[in-house]
Amino acid sequence: MAKFAFHVELKAKPGKESAVEAFLKQGAVMAGAEPGLASWYGLKEEDKPGVYRIVDTFNDEVGRDEHLEGELAKALMAKAQELFSEAPKIQRLNIVAEK
């Protein structure tokens, strides 16, 4: 069972929504190369245009910490000023239940 997670909120700059979605689709491919990542989701809020989220889970803290130094995290930060109206909001979470 995954025990650790990140939740990231992303707010696209006006007109950058399709570029954010393309980035998230590429992010899913990049996530596959990270052995410490249990799951990775790129999400779009239905009722908030331009608001996206990333939820990723990890079996241990080592994997979660390594993810922050990985290529996907580096790519996100490299594109942040171009794509987002504010800095990505990253929350560290502990998973207490799952189905």
C-alpha atoms as a PDB file:
ATOM      1  CA  MET A   1       0.000   0.000   0.000  1.00  0.00           C
ATOM      2  CA  ALA A   2       1.211   3.465  -0.845  1.00  0.00           C
ATOM      3  CA  LYS A   3       1.735   5.451   2.337  1.00  0.00           C
ATOM      4  CA  PHE A   4       2.940   8.842   1.106  1.00  0.00           C
ATOM      5  CA  ALA A   5       1.756  11.333  -1.509  1.00  0.00           C
ATOM      6  CA  PHE A   6       2.054  14.748  -3.053  1.00  0.00           C
ATOM      7  CA  HIS A   7      -0.843  16.931  -4.102  1.00  0.00           C
ATOM      8  CA  VAL A   8       0.119  19.756  -6.456  1.00  0.00           C
ATOM      9  CA  GLU A   9      -2.208  22.566  -7.512  1.00  0.00           C
ATOM     10  CA  LEU A  10      -1.474  24.246 -10.838  1.00  0.00           C
ATOM     11  CA  LYS A  11      -3.177  27.338 -12.230  1.00  0.00           C
ATOM     12  CA  ALA A  12      -2.663  27.801 -15.963  1.00  0.00           C
ATOM     13  CA  LYS A  13      -1.984  31.236 -17.394  1.00  0.00           C
ATOM     14  CA  PRO A  14      -4.846  32.318 -19.666  1.00  0.00           C
ATOM     15  CA  GLY A  15      -4.375  30.734 -23.076  1.00  0.00           C
ATOM     16  CA  LYS A  16      -1.895  28.133 -21.773  1.00  0.00           C
ATOM     17  CA  GLU A  17      -4.430  25.432 -20.907  1.00  0.00           C
ATOM     18  CA  SER A  18      -3.607  23.202 -23.888  1.00  0.00           C
ATOM     19  CA  ALA A  19       0.127  23.517 -23.147  1.00  0.00           C
ATOM     20  CA  VAL A  20      -0.508  22.523 -19.506  1.00  0.00           C
ATOM     21  CA  GLU A  21      -2.504  19.496 -20.632  1.00  0.00           C
ATOM     22  CA  ALA A  22       0.266  18.492 -23.047  1.00  0.00           C
ATOM     23  CA  PHE A  23       2.794  18.873 -20.231  1.00  0.00           C
ATOM     24  CA  LEU A  24       0.700  16.655 -17.960  1.00  0.00           C
ATOM     25  CA  LYS A  25       0.411  13.981 -20.654  1.00  0.00           C
ATOM     26  CA  GLN A  26       4.199  14.038 -21.066  1.00  0.00           C
ATOM     27  CA  GLY A  27       4.493  13.961 -17.269  1.00  0.00           C
ATOM     28  CA  ALA A  28       2.599  10.681 -17.184  1.00  0.00           C
ATOM     29  CA  VAL A  29       5.175   9.193 -19.559  1.00  0.00           C
ATOM     30  CA  MET A  30       8.056  10.568 -17.482  1.00  0.00           C
ATOM     31  CA  ALA A  31       6.481   9.230 -14.278  1.00  0.00           C
ATOM     32  CA  GLY A  32       6.775   5.715 -15.665  1.00  0.00           C
ATOM     33  CA  ALA A  33      10.569   5.992 -15.451  1.00  0.00           C
ATOM     34  CA  GLU A  34      10.558   6.670 -11.697  1.00  0.00           C
ATOM     35  CA  PRO A  35      10.747   3.368  -9.797  1.00  0.00           C
ATOM     36  CA  GLY A  36       9.771   4.967  -6.472  1.00  0.00           C
ATOM     37  CA  LEU A  37       6.473   6.300  -7.816  1.00  0.00           C
ATOM     38  CA  ALA A  38       3.480   4.033  -7.083  1.00  0.00           C
ATOM     39  CA  SER A  39       0.908   6.103  -9.020  1.00  0.00           C
ATOM     40  CA  TRP A  40       0.712   9.447 -10.802  1.00  0.00           C
ATOM     41  CA  TYR A  41      -2.361  11.384 -11.946  1.00  0.00           C
ATOM     42  CA  GLY A  42      -2.649  14.619 -13.914  1.00  0.00           C
ATOM     43  CA  LEU A  43      -6.113  16.061 -13.278  1.00  0.00           C
ATOM     44  CA  LYS A  44      -8.245  18.939 -14.567  1.00  0.00           C
ATOM     45  CA  GLU A  45     -10.928  20.479 -12.369  1.00  0.00           C
ATOM     46  CA  GLU A  46     -14.312  20.387 -14.067  1.00  0.00           C
ATOM     47  CA  ASP A  47     -15.771  23.502 -12.456  1.00  0.00           C
ATOM     48  CA  LYS A  48     -12.620  25.653 -12.301  1.00  0.00           C
ATOM     49  CA  PRO A  49     -11.262  26.504 -15.758  1.00  0.00           C
ATOM     50  CA  GLY A  50      -7.487  26.547 -15.878  1.00  0.00           C
ATOM     51  CA  VAL A  51      -7.021  24.690 -12.585  1.00  0.00           C
ATOM     52  CA  TYR A  52      -5.094  21.428 -12.707  1.00  0.00           C
ATOM     53  CA  ARG A  53      -3.760  19.055 -10.103  1.00  0.00           C
ATOM     54  CA  ILE A  54      -1.169  16.352  -9.816  1.00  0.00           C
ATOM     55  CA  VAL A  55      -1.575  13.551  -7.295  1.00  0.00           C
ATOM     56  CA  ASP A  56       1.232  11.069  -6.959  1.00  0.00           C
ATOM     57  CA  THR A  57       1.766   8.295  -4.432  1.00  0.00           C
ATOM     58  CA  PHE A  58       4.782   6.490  -3.028  1.00  0.00           C
ATOM     59  CA  ASN A  59       5.375   3.361  -0.978  1.00  0.00           C
ATOM     60  CA  ASP A  60       8.061   5.022   1.134  1.00  0.00           C
ATOM     61  CA  GLU A  61       9.491   8.409   1.983  1.00  0.00           C
ATOM     62  CA  VAL A  62      12.679   7.677   0.060  1.00  0.00           C
ATOM     63  CA  GLY A  63      10.717   7.426  -3.187  1.00  0.00           C
ATOM     64  CA  ARG A  64       8.797  10.592  -2.397  1.00  0.00           C
ATOM     65  CA  ASP A  65      11.978  12.515  -1.585  1.00  0.00           C
ATOM     66  CA  GLU A  66      13.766  11.194  -4.696  1.00  0.00           C
ATOM     67  CA  HIS A  67      10.814  12.311  -6.818  1.00  0.00           C
ATOM     68  CA  LEU A  68      11.488  15.930  -5.856  1.00  0.00           C
ATOM     69  CA  GLU A  69      14.976  15.602  -7.348  1.00  0.00           C
ATOM     70  CA  GLY A  70      13.811  13.678 -10.434  1.00  0.00           C
ATOM     71  CA  GLU A  71      13.430  14.723 -14.051  1.00  0.00           C
ATOM     72  CA  LEU A  72       9.667  15.235 -13.814  1.00  0.00           C
ATOM     73  CA  ALA A  73       9.958  17.671 -10.900  1.00  0.00           C
ATOM     74  CA  LYS A  74      12.773  19.510 -12.706  1.00  0.00           C
ATOM     75  CA  ALA A  75      10.629  19.782 -15.850  1.00  0.00           C
ATOM     76  CA  LEU A  76       7.694  21.125 -13.839  1.00  0.00           C
ATOM     77  CA  MET A  77       9.798  23.836 -12.237  1.00  0.00           C
ATOM     78  CA  ALA A  78      11.466  24.715 -15.560  1.00  0.00           C
ATOM     79  CA  LYS A  79       8.050  25.317 -17.162  1.00  0.00           C
ATOM     80  CA  ALA A  80       6.394  26.982 -14.165  1.00  0.00           C
ATOM     81  CA  GLN A  81       6.852  30.625 -15.180  1.00  0.00           C
ATOM     82  CA  GLU A  82       5.827  29.939 -18.762  1.00  0.00           C
ATOM     83  CA  LEU A  83       2.692  27.906 -18.025  1.00  0.00           C
ATOM     84  CA  PHE A  84       1.340  28.916 -14.615  1.00  0.00           C
ATOM     85  CA  SER A  85      -0.070  32.143 -13.194  1.00  0.00           C
ATOM     86  CA  GLU A  86       1.415  31.316  -9.797  1.00  0.00           C
ATOM     87  CA  ALA A  87       3.977  28.910  -8.429  1.00  0.00           C
ATOM     88  CA  PRO A  88       2.822  25.287  -8.118  1.00  0.00           C
ATOM     89  CA  LYS A  89       1.455  24.602  -4.635  1.00  0.00           C
ATOM     90  CA  ILE A  90       2.955  21.349  -3.374  1.00  0.00           C
ATOM     91  CA  GLN A  91       1.495  19.557  -0.353  1.00  0.00           C
ATOM     92  CA  ARG A  92       3.126  16.560   1.311  1.00  0.00           C
ATOM     93  CA  LEU A  93       0.517  14.026   2.422  1.00  0.00           C
ATOM     94  CA  ASN A  94       0.380  10.802   4.410  1.00  0.00           C
ATOM     95  CA  ILE A  95      -2.142   8.240   3.141  1.00  0.00           C
ATOM     96  CA  VAL A  96      -4.308   6.870   5.932  1.00  0.00           C
ATOM     97  CA  ALA A  97      -6.697   4.700   3.871  1.00  0.00           C
ATOM     98  CA  GLU A  98      -7.146   3.375   0.364  1.00  0.00           C
ATOM     99  CA  LYS A  99      -9.403   1.060  -1.585  1.00  0.00           C
END
